[in-house]
Amino acid sequence: MPLPQEKGEYSYADYLTWPEGERWEIIDGIAYMQATPSPIHQEISMGLSAQFHHYLSGKPCKVYPAPFSVRFPKDNDKKNEDIKKVFEPDISIVCDKAKIDSKGCNGAPDLIVEIMSPSSVKMDRFTKFNSYEKAGVKEYWIVEPEGKLVSVFVLQADQRYGRPEVYSEEDKINVSIFPDLIVDLEPVFAGIVQVGDV
């Protein structure tokens, strides 16, 4: 069982052999261990997931909070050994049930939310941003617990993310992929006074 740091490049086949209690991501064959989420991180995740879940109840789309693996195969990647991109987004919404299998999501979710920590800023803002855009994730949210801000990126006709809409804790977000869904950020950030390492 090859654990990360024991070889140069990793694939989804390796990912499947790693301990289930650990959270790993593979980006372009490089393995990254995910830190255990803080209580504030979890509160924000639950606050958003609850609103998504309530809205999606009885609808084809489903919300999946972490831990939940998302793999991005290239066009010809049929084998697990060929897949070099495996993510564990904080929240994923998937509308195509054909993408869901016993291991997670095979293909791009419709919406992804990442909740930033001080150690994940570069990863969330650049590496994952570029991967999610290229894979065709229609809407990408980056949540900043410390500033109580949410940046929402929407995939445009040219298959690139446009300028973000930025929301504060008093705002409500009109979700682009669900025109009648409004996410209220006030209860999501309520009670969060001091943010340490999230």
N, C-alpha and C. Protein backbone atom coordinates (compact mmCIF):
# COMPACT_ATOMS: atom_id res chain seq x y z
N MET A 1 0.85 -1.19 0.00
CA MET A 1 0.00 0.00 0.00
C MET A 1 0.89 1.24 0.00
N PRO A 2 1.02 1.92 -1.16
CA PRO A 2 1.90 3.08 -1.22
C PRO A 2 1.28 4.29 -0.54
N LEU A 3 1.84 4.70 0.58
CA LEU A 3 1.35 5.91 1.25
C LEU A 3 2.04 7.12 0.65
N PRO A 4 1.40 8.29 0.69
CA PRO A 4 2.01 9.49 0.12
C PRO A 4 3.41 9.73 0.67
N GLN A 5 4.24 10.30 -0.17
CA GLN A 5 5.65 10.60 0.06
C GLN A 5 6.53 9.37 -0.19
N GLU A 6 5.93 8.25 -0.55
CA GLU A 6 6.74 7.06 -0.83
C GLU A 6 7.01 6.88 -2.32
N LYS A 7 6.29 7.63 -3.16
CA LYS A 7 6.56 7.56 -4.59
C LYS A 7 6.26 8.90 -5.22
N GLY A 8 6.60 9.05 -6.48
CA GLY A 8 6.53 10.37 -7.10
C GLY A 8 5.15 10.84 -7.50
N GLU A 9 4.36 9.99 -8.13
CA GLU A 9 3.07 10.43 -8.65
C GLU A 9 1.98 9.46 -8.19
N TYR A 10 0.83 10.03 -7.85
CA TYR A 10 -0.26 9.22 -7.31
C TYR A 10 -1.49 9.30 -8.22
N SER A 11 -2.33 8.28 -8.08
CA SER A 11 -3.55 8.21 -8.87
C SER A 11 -4.72 7.85 -7.94
N TYR A 12 -5.89 7.83 -8.53
CA TYR A 12 -7.07 7.44 -7.76
C TYR A 12 -6.96 6.01 -7.25
N ALA A 13 -6.24 5.17 -7.97
CA ALA A 13 -6.03 3.79 -7.51
C ALA A 13 -5.28 3.79 -6.17
N ASP A 14 -4.27 4.65 -6.01
CA ASP A 14 -3.56 4.77 -4.74
C ASP A 14 -4.50 5.30 -3.66
N TYR A 15 -5.25 6.33 -4.00
CA TYR A 15 -6.17 6.98 -3.07
C TYR A 15 -7.10 5.95 -2.40
N LEU A 16 -7.56 5.01 -3.20
CA LEU A 16 -8.49 4.00 -2.69
C LEU A 16 -7.86 3.07 -1.66
N THR A 17 -6.53 3.02 -1.60
CA THR A 17 -5.86 2.12 -0.65
C THR A 17 -5.48 2.81 0.66
N TRP A 18 -5.63 4.15 0.72
CA TRP A 18 -5.19 4.88 1.91
C TRP A 18 -6.22 4.78 3.03
N PRO A 19 -5.79 4.96 4.29
CA PRO A 19 -6.71 4.80 5.43
C PRO A 19 -7.95 5.69 5.33
N GLU A 20 -9.11 5.11 5.62
CA GLU A 20 -10.37 5.84 5.46
C GLU A 20 -10.50 7.00 6.43
N GLY A 21 -9.82 6.94 7.56
CA GLY A 21 -9.92 8.01 8.54
C GLY A 21 -9.12 9.25 8.19
N GLU A 22 -8.36 9.21 7.11
CA GLU A 22 -7.55 10.35 6.69
C GLU A 22 -8.16 10.97 5.44
N ARG A 23 -8.01 12.29 5.34
CA ARG A 23 -8.53 13.00 4.17
C ARG A 23 -7.36 13.43 3.29
N TRP A 24 -7.36 12.92 2.05
CA TRP A 24 -6.32 13.24 1.09
C TRP A 24 -6.94 13.80 -0.18
N GLU A 25 -6.17 14.63 -0.86
CA GLU A 25 -6.52 15.06 -2.21
C GLU A 25 -5.33 14.80 -3.11
N ILE A 26 -5.60 14.55 -4.38
CA ILE A 26 -4.54 14.36 -5.37
C ILE A 26 -4.77 15.39 -6.46
N ILE A 27 -3.77 16.24 -6.68
CA ILE A 27 -3.87 17.27 -7.71
C ILE A 27 -2.70 17.12 -8.66
N ASP A 28 -3.01 16.75 -9.89
CA ASP A 28 -1.98 16.49 -10.90
C ASP A 28 -0.95 15.49 -10.40
N GLY A 29 -1.43 14.46 -9.72
CA GLY A 29 -0.56 13.37 -9.27
C GLY A 29 0.15 13.62 -7.95
N ILE A 30 -0.02 14.81 -7.36
CA ILE A 30 0.64 15.12 -6.08
C ILE A 30 -0.39 14.97 -4.96
N ALA A 31 0.00 14.28 -3.89
CA ALA A 31 -0.92 14.03 -2.77
C ALA A 31 -0.79 15.13 -1.73
N TYR A 32 -1.96 15.58 -1.24
CA TYR A 32 -2.02 16.60 -0.20
C TYR A 32 -2.94 16.11 0.91
N MET A 33 -2.43 16.09 2.15
CA MET A 33 -3.25 15.69 3.28
C MET A 33 -4.07 16.88 3.76
N GLN A 34 -5.35 16.64 4.05
CA GLN A 34 -6.25 17.69 4.51
C GLN A 34 -6.23 17.75 6.04
N ALA A 35 -6.17 18.96 6.57
CA ALA A 35 -6.21 19.13 8.03
C ALA A 35 -7.61 18.84 8.55
N THR A 36 -7.67 18.44 9.82
CA THR A 36 -8.97 18.23 10.45
C THR A 36 -9.67 19.57 10.58
N PRO A 37 -10.94 19.68 10.14
CA PRO A 37 -11.65 20.96 10.21
C PRO A 37 -11.84 21.43 11.65
N SER A 38 -11.76 22.75 11.84
CA SER A 38 -12.00 23.34 13.16
C SER A 38 -13.50 23.40 13.44
N PRO A 39 -13.90 23.65 14.69
CA PRO A 39 -15.32 23.81 14.99
C PRO A 39 -15.99 24.92 14.18
N ILE A 40 -15.29 26.05 13.97
CA ILE A 40 -15.88 27.14 13.18
C ILE A 40 -16.09 26.71 11.74
N HIS A 41 -15.11 26.04 11.18
CA HIS A 41 -15.22 25.49 9.83
C HIS A 41 -16.45 24.59 9.73
N GLN A 42 -16.64 23.72 10.71
CA GLN A 42 -17.76 22.80 10.70
C GLN A 42 -19.11 23.53 10.86
N GLU A 43 -19.15 24.56 11.70
CA GLU A 43 -20.38 25.33 11.87
C GLU A 43 -20.81 25.97 10.56
N ILE A 44 -19.84 26.56 9.85
CA ILE A 44 -20.14 27.20 8.57
C ILE A 44 -20.61 26.16 7.56
N SER A 45 -19.91 25.04 7.51
CA SER A 45 -20.28 23.98 6.58
C SER A 45 -21.70 23.48 6.85
N MET A 46 -22.01 23.25 8.12
CA MET A 46 -23.35 22.77 8.46
C MET A 46 -24.42 23.82 8.15
N GLY A 47 -24.11 25.10 8.43
CA GLY A 47 -25.07 26.16 8.15
C GLY A 47 -25.43 26.27 6.68
N LEU A 48 -24.43 26.16 5.82
CA LEU A 48 -24.68 26.20 4.38
C LEU A 48 -25.35 24.91 3.90
N SER A 49 -24.81 23.77 4.34
CA SER A 49 -25.35 22.48 3.90
C SER A 49 -26.82 22.34 4.27
N ALA A 50 -27.20 22.84 5.46
CA ALA A 50 -28.60 22.73 5.91
C ALA A 50 -29.53 23.49 4.97
N GLN A 51 -29.12 24.68 4.55
CA GLN A 51 -29.97 25.46 3.64
C GLN A 51 -30.06 24.80 2.27
N PHE A 52 -28.92 24.28 1.77
CA PHE A 52 -28.95 23.56 0.50
C PHE A 52 -29.84 22.32 0.61
N HIS A 53 -29.66 21.56 1.69
CA HIS A 53 -30.41 20.32 1.87
C HIS A 53 -31.92 20.59 1.93
N HIS A 54 -32.30 21.61 2.67
CA HIS A 54 -33.73 21.95 2.79
C HIS A 54 -34.32 22.27 1.42
N TYR A 55 -33.60 23.07 0.65
CA TYR A 55 -34.09 23.46 -0.67
C TYR A 55 -34.15 22.26 -1.62
N LEU A 56 -33.14 21.41 -1.58
CA LEU A 56 -33.04 20.31 -2.55
C LEU A 56 -33.87 19.08 -2.17
N SER A 57 -34.48 19.09 -1.00
CA SER A 57 -35.30 17.95 -0.58
C SER A 57 -36.37 17.66 -1.63
N GLY A 58 -36.39 16.43 -2.12
CA GLY A 58 -37.37 16.03 -3.12
C GLY A 58 -37.00 16.40 -4.55
N LYS A 59 -35.83 17.00 -4.74
CA LYS A 59 -35.38 17.39 -6.08
C LYS A 59 -34.26 16.46 -6.54
N PRO A 60 -33.95 16.45 -7.83
CA PRO A 60 -32.92 15.54 -8.35
C PRO A 60 -31.52 15.85 -7.84
N CYS A 61 -31.20 17.12 -7.63
CA CYS A 61 -29.86 17.49 -7.16
C CYS A 61 -29.71 17.14 -5.68
N LYS A 62 -28.49 16.79 -5.30
CA LYS A 62 -28.21 16.42 -3.91
C LYS A 62 -26.99 17.17 -3.40
N VAL A 63 -26.98 17.43 -2.08
CA VAL A 63 -25.84 18.08 -1.46
C VAL A 63 -25.03 17.04 -0.68
N TYR A 64 -23.71 17.12 -0.82
CA TYR A 64 -22.81 16.18 -0.16
C TYR A 64 -21.73 16.96 0.59
N PRO A 65 -21.83 17.04 1.92
CA PRO A 65 -20.74 17.66 2.69
C PRO A 65 -19.56 16.70 2.82
N ALA A 66 -18.38 17.27 3.08
CA ALA A 66 -17.18 16.45 3.28
C ALA A 66 -17.34 15.59 4.54
N PRO A 67 -16.71 14.43 4.56
CA PRO A 67 -15.83 13.87 3.54
C PRO A 67 -16.61 13.25 2.38
N PHE A 68 -16.25 13.66 1.17
CA PHE A 68 -16.90 13.18 -0.05
C PHE A 68 -15.92 13.41 -1.19
N SER A 69 -15.52 12.33 -1.84
CA SER A 69 -14.49 12.47 -2.87
C SER A 69 -15.10 12.80 -4.23
N VAL A 70 -14.39 13.68 -4.94
CA VAL A 70 -14.76 14.09 -6.29
C VAL A 70 -13.54 13.85 -7.18
N ARG A 71 -13.70 13.06 -8.22
CA ARG A 71 -12.58 12.81 -9.11
C ARG A 71 -12.89 13.39 -10.50
N PHE A 72 -11.84 13.95 -11.10
CA PHE A 72 -11.96 14.57 -12.41
C PHE A 72 -11.17 13.76 -13.42
N PRO A 73 -11.78 12.77 -14.05
CA PRO A 73 -11.06 12.04 -15.08
C PRO A 73 -10.95 12.87 -16.35
N LYS A 74 -9.85 12.68 -17.10
CA LYS A 74 -9.77 13.28 -18.43
C LYS A 74 -10.62 12.43 -19.37
N ASP A 75 -10.79 12.90 -20.59
CA ASP A 75 -11.69 12.24 -21.54
C ASP A 75 -11.43 10.74 -21.68
N ASN A 76 -10.17 10.35 -21.73
CA ASN A 76 -9.83 8.95 -21.98
C ASN A 76 -9.46 8.18 -20.72
N ASP A 77 -9.62 8.80 -19.55
CA ASP A 77 -9.26 8.12 -18.30
C ASP A 77 -10.35 7.13 -17.90
N LYS A 78 -10.14 5.88 -18.22
CA LYS A 78 -11.12 4.85 -17.89
C LYS A 78 -10.72 4.07 -16.64
N LYS A 79 -9.42 4.02 -16.36
CA LYS A 79 -8.92 3.24 -15.24
C LYS A 79 -8.59 4.15 -14.06
N ASN A 80 -8.72 3.60 -12.86
CA ASN A 80 -8.40 4.36 -11.65
C ASN A 80 -6.95 4.84 -11.66
N GLU A 81 -6.07 4.05 -12.27
CA GLU A 81 -4.65 4.39 -12.32
C GLU A 81 -4.39 5.64 -13.16
N ASP A 82 -5.34 5.99 -14.04
CA ASP A 82 -5.15 7.12 -14.94
C ASP A 82 -5.65 8.44 -14.36
N ILE A 83 -6.47 8.37 -13.32
CA ILE A 83 -7.07 9.59 -12.76
C ILE A 83 -6.10 10.22 -11.77
N LYS A 84 -5.69 11.47 -12.06
CA LYS A 84 -4.67 12.16 -11.26
C LYS A 84 -5.24 13.35 -10.49
N LYS A 85 -6.56 13.54 -10.52
CA LYS A 85 -7.20 14.64 -9.80
C LYS A 85 -8.33 14.09 -8.94
N VAL A 86 -8.15 14.14 -7.62
CA VAL A 86 -9.17 13.70 -6.67
C VAL A 86 -9.27 14.77 -5.58
N PHE A 87 -10.46 15.32 -5.41
CA PHE A 87 -10.67 16.40 -4.45
C PHE A 87 -11.63 15.98 -3.36
N GLU A 88 -11.58 16.69 -2.22
CA GLU A 88 -12.53 16.51 -1.13
C GLU A 88 -13.10 17.88 -0.78
N PRO A 89 -14.00 18.41 -1.63
CA PRO A 89 -14.57 19.73 -1.35
C PRO A 89 -15.34 19.73 -0.03
N ASP A 90 -15.44 20.91 0.58
CA ASP A 90 -16.20 21.01 1.82
C ASP A 90 -17.69 20.74 1.58
N ILE A 91 -18.22 21.23 0.46
CA ILE A 91 -19.60 20.96 0.07
C ILE A 91 -19.65 20.78 -1.44
N SER A 92 -20.35 19.74 -1.88
CA SER A 92 -20.56 19.51 -3.31
C SER A 92 -22.06 19.35 -3.57
N ILE A 93 -22.53 19.95 -4.65
CA ILE A 93 -23.90 19.72 -5.10
C ILE A 93 -23.83 19.09 -6.48
N VAL A 94 -24.47 17.94 -6.62
CA VAL A 94 -24.43 17.17 -7.86
C VAL A 94 -25.85 16.96 -8.36
N CYS A 95 -26.09 17.34 -9.62
CA CYS A 95 -27.43 17.20 -10.19
C CYS A 95 -27.56 16.01 -11.14
N ASP A 96 -26.45 15.50 -11.65
CA ASP A 96 -26.47 14.35 -12.55
C ASP A 96 -26.19 13.10 -11.74
N LYS A 97 -27.25 12.33 -11.44
CA LYS A 97 -27.07 11.17 -10.57
C LYS A 97 -26.20 10.10 -11.20
N ALA A 98 -25.98 10.15 -12.52
CA ALA A 98 -25.10 9.20 -13.18
C ALA A 98 -23.65 9.38 -12.75
N LYS A 99 -23.31 10.56 -12.20
CA LYS A 99 -21.95 10.82 -11.74
C LYS A 99 -21.68 10.23 -10.35
N ILE A 100 -22.73 9.84 -9.63
CA ILE A 100 -22.58 9.35 -8.26
C ILE A 100 -22.41 7.83 -8.27
N ASP A 101 -21.38 7.37 -7.57
CA ASP A 101 -21.21 5.93 -7.38
C ASP A 101 -20.88 5.68 -5.91
N SER A 102 -20.53 4.46 -5.59
CA SER A 102 -20.30 4.10 -4.18
C SER A 102 -19.08 4.81 -3.59
N LYS A 103 -18.22 5.38 -4.43
CA LYS A 103 -17.00 6.03 -3.94
C LYS A 103 -17.10 7.56 -3.90
N GLY A 104 -18.16 8.11 -4.46
CA GLY A 104 -18.28 9.58 -4.48
C GLY A 104 -18.82 10.07 -5.80
N CYS A 105 -18.17 11.11 -6.35
CA CYS A 105 -18.61 11.73 -7.59
C CYS A 105 -17.54 11.56 -8.65
N ASN A 106 -17.92 11.04 -9.82
CA ASN A 106 -17.02 10.86 -10.94
C ASN A 106 -17.37 11.89 -12.00
N GLY A 107 -16.70 13.04 -11.94
CA GLY A 107 -17.01 14.15 -12.83
C GLY A 107 -17.27 15.41 -12.02
N ALA A 108 -17.54 16.50 -12.72
CA ALA A 108 -17.67 17.80 -12.05
C ALA A 108 -19.02 17.97 -11.37
N PRO A 109 -19.03 18.30 -10.08
CA PRO A 109 -20.29 18.71 -9.44
C PRO A 109 -20.78 20.02 -10.06
N ASP A 110 -22.03 20.34 -9.82
CA ASP A 110 -22.59 21.59 -10.35
C ASP A 110 -22.16 22.79 -9.51
N LEU A 111 -22.00 22.58 -8.21
CA LEU A 111 -21.58 23.66 -7.32
C LEU A 111 -20.64 23.08 -6.28
N ILE A 112 -19.56 23.83 -5.99
CA ILE A 112 -18.61 23.44 -4.95
C ILE A 112 -18.40 24.62 -4.01
N VAL A 113 -18.34 24.32 -2.71
CA VAL A 113 -18.00 25.31 -1.69
C VAL A 113 -16.73 24.87 -0.99
N GLU A 114 -15.75 25.77 -0.90
CA GLU A 114 -14.55 25.54 -0.11
C GLU A 114 -14.49 26.59 0.99
N ILE A 115 -14.25 26.15 2.22
CA ILE A 115 -14.14 27.05 3.38
C ILE A 115 -12.65 27.19 3.68
N MET A 116 -12.14 28.40 3.53
CA MET A 116 -10.70 28.62 3.64
C MET A 116 -10.21 28.52 5.07
N SER A 117 -8.97 28.05 5.18
CA SER A 117 -8.21 28.13 6.43
C SER A 117 -6.93 28.87 6.08
N PRO A 118 -6.18 29.37 7.08
CA PRO A 118 -4.94 30.08 6.77
C PRO A 118 -3.98 29.24 5.92
N SER A 119 -4.02 27.94 6.07
CA SER A 119 -3.10 27.09 5.33
C SER A 119 -3.60 26.72 3.93
N SER A 120 -4.87 27.05 3.61
CA SER A 120 -5.43 26.61 2.33
C SER A 120 -5.69 27.75 1.35
N VAL A 121 -5.25 28.97 1.67
CA VAL A 121 -5.59 30.14 0.84
C VAL A 121 -5.12 29.95 -0.60
N LYS A 122 -3.85 29.63 -0.78
CA LYS A 122 -3.32 29.45 -2.14
C LYS A 122 -4.01 28.31 -2.86
N MET A 123 -4.23 27.21 -2.15
CA MET A 123 -4.87 26.05 -2.75
C MET A 123 -6.29 26.38 -3.22
N ASP A 124 -7.08 27.06 -2.37
CA ASP A 124 -8.47 27.36 -2.71
C ASP A 124 -8.59 28.43 -3.79
N ARG A 125 -7.74 29.46 -3.69
CA ARG A 125 -7.86 30.60 -4.60
C ARG A 125 -7.22 30.37 -5.97
N PHE A 126 -6.23 29.49 -6.05
CA PHE A 126 -5.53 29.31 -7.31
C PHE A 126 -5.63 27.88 -7.83
N THR A 127 -5.06 26.93 -7.08
CA THR A 127 -4.99 25.55 -7.58
C THR A 127 -6.38 24.96 -7.81
N LYS A 128 -7.23 25.02 -6.78
CA LYS A 128 -8.58 24.45 -6.94
C LYS A 128 -9.42 25.30 -7.88
N PHE A 129 -9.28 26.62 -7.80
CA PHE A 129 -10.00 27.51 -8.71
C PHE A 129 -9.76 27.09 -10.15
N ASN A 130 -8.51 26.92 -10.53
CA ASN A 130 -8.17 26.55 -11.91
C ASN A 130 -8.69 25.16 -12.26
N SER A 131 -8.57 24.21 -11.32
CA SER A 131 -9.03 22.84 -11.59
C SER A 131 -10.55 22.80 -11.74
N TYR A 132 -11.26 23.51 -10.86
CA TYR A 132 -12.72 23.50 -10.92
C TYR A 132 -13.22 24.19 -12.18
N GLU A 133 -12.57 25.29 -12.55
CA GLU A 133 -12.94 26.00 -13.78
C GLU A 133 -12.75 25.09 -14.99
N LYS A 134 -11.58 24.47 -15.07
CA LYS A 134 -11.26 23.60 -16.21
C LYS A 134 -12.20 22.41 -16.29
N ALA A 135 -12.60 21.88 -15.13
CA ALA A 135 -13.48 20.71 -15.10
C ALA A 135 -14.94 21.06 -15.42
N GLY A 136 -15.28 22.35 -15.36
CA GLY A 136 -16.65 22.76 -15.69
C GLY A 136 -17.59 22.84 -14.51
N VAL A 137 -17.06 23.06 -13.29
CA VAL A 137 -17.93 23.28 -12.13
C VAL A 137 -18.65 24.61 -12.35
N LYS A 138 -19.98 24.58 -12.39
CA LYS A 138 -20.75 25.76 -12.80
C LYS A 138 -20.65 26.92 -11.82
N GLU A 139 -20.54 26.61 -10.54
CA GLU A 139 -20.51 27.66 -9.52
C GLU A 139 -19.54 27.25 -8.42
N TYR A 140 -18.65 28.17 -8.04
CA TYR A 140 -17.62 27.89 -7.04
C TYR A 140 -17.65 28.99 -5.99
N TRP A 141 -17.86 28.58 -4.72
CA TRP A 141 -17.90 29.52 -3.60
C TRP A 141 -16.63 29.34 -2.77
N ILE A 142 -16.01 30.46 -2.41
CA ILE A 142 -14.90 30.47 -1.46
C ILE A 142 -15.35 31.24 -0.23
N VAL A 143 -15.39 30.56 0.91
CA VAL A 143 -15.84 31.17 2.16
C VAL A 143 -14.63 31.56 2.99
N GLU A 144 -14.61 32.80 3.47
CA GLU A 144 -13.54 33.30 4.33
C GLU A 144 -14.09 33.50 5.74
N PRO A 145 -13.88 32.54 6.64
CA PRO A 145 -14.44 32.65 7.99
C PRO A 145 -13.99 33.89 8.74
N GLU A 146 -12.72 34.25 8.60
CA GLU A 146 -12.19 35.36 9.39
C GLU A 146 -12.87 36.68 9.02
N GLY A 147 -13.08 36.90 7.72
CA GLY A 147 -13.73 38.13 7.28
C GLY A 147 -15.23 38.00 7.15
N LYS A 148 -15.75 36.78 7.35
CA LYS A 148 -17.18 36.49 7.17
C LYS A 148 -17.63 36.93 5.78
N LEU A 149 -16.89 36.46 4.79
CA LEU A 149 -17.15 36.80 3.39
C LEU A 149 -17.30 35.54 2.56
N VAL A 150 -18.10 35.64 1.49
CA VAL A 150 -18.24 34.56 0.53
C VAL A 150 -18.05 35.14 -0.87
N SER A 151 -17.10 34.59 -1.62
CA SER A 151 -16.89 34.98 -3.02
C SER A 151 -17.51 33.91 -3.90
N VAL A 152 -18.38 34.34 -4.82
CA VAL A 152 -19.09 33.40 -5.69
C VAL A 152 -18.63 33.60 -7.13
N PHE A 153 -18.10 32.53 -7.71
CA PHE A 153 -17.65 32.54 -9.10
C PHE A 153 -18.62 31.70 -9.93
N VAL A 154 -19.07 32.26 -11.05
CA VAL A 154 -20.02 31.56 -11.93
C VAL A 154 -19.36 31.34 -13.29
N LEU A 155 -19.46 30.11 -13.79
CA LEU A 155 -18.88 29.77 -15.09
C LEU A 155 -19.64 30.49 -16.20
N GLN A 156 -18.90 31.17 -17.05
CA GLN A 156 -19.50 31.95 -18.13
C GLN A 156 -19.56 31.12 -19.42
N ALA A 157 -20.10 31.73 -20.46
CA ALA A 157 -20.26 31.04 -21.75
C ALA A 157 -18.93 30.59 -22.33
N ASP A 158 -17.85 31.31 -22.01
CA ASP A 158 -16.53 30.94 -22.53
C ASP A 158 -15.84 29.88 -21.68
N GLN A 159 -16.60 29.30 -20.73
CA GLN A 159 -16.10 28.25 -19.85
C GLN A 159 -15.01 28.74 -18.90
N ARG A 160 -15.08 30.03 -18.56
CA ARG A 160 -14.18 30.60 -17.57
C ARG A 160 -15.02 31.29 -16.50
N TYR A 161 -14.47 31.37 -15.29
CA TYR A 161 -15.17 32.07 -14.23
C TYR A 161 -15.09 33.58 -14.44
N GLY A 162 -16.23 34.25 -14.27
CA GLY A 162 -16.24 35.71 -14.36
C GLY A 162 -15.76 36.31 -13.05
N ARG A 163 -15.85 37.64 -12.96
CA ARG A 163 -15.49 38.32 -11.73
C ARG A 163 -16.41 37.84 -10.61
N PRO A 164 -15.87 37.68 -9.40
CA PRO A 164 -16.72 37.16 -8.31
C PRO A 164 -17.69 38.20 -7.78
N GLU A 165 -18.82 37.71 -7.33
CA GLU A 165 -19.72 38.51 -6.50
C GLU A 165 -19.30 38.22 -5.06
N VAL A 166 -19.08 39.25 -4.26
CA VAL A 166 -18.61 39.06 -2.89
C VAL A 166 -19.72 39.47 -1.93
N TYR A 167 -20.00 38.59 -0.97
CA TYR A 167 -21.10 38.78 -0.02
C TYR A 167 -20.56 38.81 1.40
N SER A 168 -21.18 39.63 2.24
CA SER A 168 -20.80 39.69 3.66
C SER A 168 -21.84 38.97 4.50
N GLU A 169 -21.62 38.95 5.80
CA GLU A 169 -22.47 38.17 6.71
C GLU A 169 -23.92 38.64 6.76
N GLU A 170 -24.22 39.87 6.33
CA GLU A 170 -25.60 40.34 6.37
C GLU A 170 -26.34 40.05 5.06
N ASP A 171 -25.64 39.50 4.08
CA ASP A 171 -26.21 39.37 2.74
C ASP A 171 -26.94 38.04 2.53
N LYS A 172 -27.70 38.03 1.43
CA LYS A 172 -28.33 36.81 0.95
C LYS A 172 -27.81 36.56 -0.46
N ILE A 173 -27.52 35.30 -0.77
CA ILE A 173 -26.97 34.94 -2.08
C ILE A 173 -28.05 34.31 -2.94
N ASN A 174 -28.26 34.88 -4.11
CA ASN A 174 -29.12 34.27 -5.11
C ASN A 174 -28.27 33.26 -5.89
N VAL A 175 -28.55 31.99 -5.72
CA VAL A 175 -27.74 30.93 -6.32
C VAL A 175 -28.03 30.85 -7.82
N SER A 176 -27.00 31.00 -8.64
CA SER A 176 -27.22 31.11 -10.09
C SER A 176 -27.77 29.82 -10.70
N ILE A 177 -27.35 28.66 -10.18
CA ILE A 177 -27.83 27.42 -10.80
C ILE A 177 -29.22 27.02 -10.30
N PHE A 178 -29.70 27.68 -9.26
CA PHE A 178 -31.07 27.47 -8.75
C PHE A 178 -31.71 28.86 -8.57
N PRO A 179 -32.34 29.41 -9.60
CA PRO A 179 -32.81 30.80 -9.55
C PRO A 179 -33.75 31.12 -8.39
N ASP A 180 -34.44 30.13 -7.85
CA ASP A 180 -35.37 30.41 -6.76
C ASP A 180 -34.79 30.08 -5.38
N LEU A 181 -33.47 29.79 -5.31
CA LEU A 181 -32.83 29.52 -4.03
C LEU A 181 -32.06 30.75 -3.56
N ILE A 182 -32.37 31.20 -2.35
CA ILE A 182 -31.65 32.30 -1.72
C ILE A 182 -31.03 31.77 -0.43
N VAL A 183 -29.69 31.86 -0.33
CA VAL A 183 -28.97 31.41 0.86
C VAL A 183 -28.72 32.61 1.75
N ASP A 184 -29.21 32.53 2.99
CA ASP A 184 -29.08 33.61 3.97
C ASP A 184 -27.79 33.39 4.76
N LEU A 185 -26.87 34.33 4.65
CA LEU A 185 -25.57 34.18 5.33
C LEU A 185 -25.61 34.55 6.80
N GLU A 186 -26.62 35.29 7.23
CA GLU A 186 -26.65 35.73 8.64
C GLU A 186 -26.63 34.55 9.61
N PRO A 187 -27.50 33.54 9.45
CA PRO A 187 -27.43 32.41 10.38
C PRO A 187 -26.17 31.56 10.21
N VAL A 188 -25.56 31.60 9.03
CA VAL A 188 -24.34 30.83 8.79
C VAL A 188 -23.19 31.36 9.63
N PHE A 189 -23.08 32.68 9.73
CA PHE A 189 -21.99 33.30 10.45
C PHE A 189 -22.38 33.72 11.88
N ALA A 190 -23.62 33.54 12.25
CA ALA A 190 -24.08 33.95 13.58
C ALA A 190 -23.28 33.23 14.66
N GLY A 191 -22.87 33.97 15.68
CA GLY A 191 -22.17 33.36 16.82
C GLY A 191 -20.69 33.20 16.61
N ILE A 192 -20.19 33.47 15.40
CA ILE A 192 -18.76 33.36 15.16
C ILE A 192 -18.13 34.70 15.51
N VAL A 193 -17.46 34.74 16.63
CA VAL A 193 -16.91 35.99 17.14
C VAL A 193 -15.42 36.08 16.85
N GLN A 194 -14.69 35.06 17.26
CA GLN A 194 -13.24 35.09 17.09
C GLN A 194 -12.83 33.86 16.32
N VAL A 195 -12.09 34.07 15.27
CA VAL A 195 -11.68 32.96 14.42
C VAL A 195 -10.18 32.74 14.57
N GLY A 196 -9.83 31.53 14.98
CA GLY A 196 -8.42 31.17 15.03
C GLY A 196 -8.06 30.43 13.76
N ASP A 197 -7.43 29.30 13.87
CA ASP A 197 -7.07 28.51 12.70
C ASP A 197 -8.28 27.69 12.28
N VAL A 198 -8.86 28.01 11.13
CA VAL A 198 -10.02 27.31 10.63
C VAL A 198 -9.62 26.29 9.57
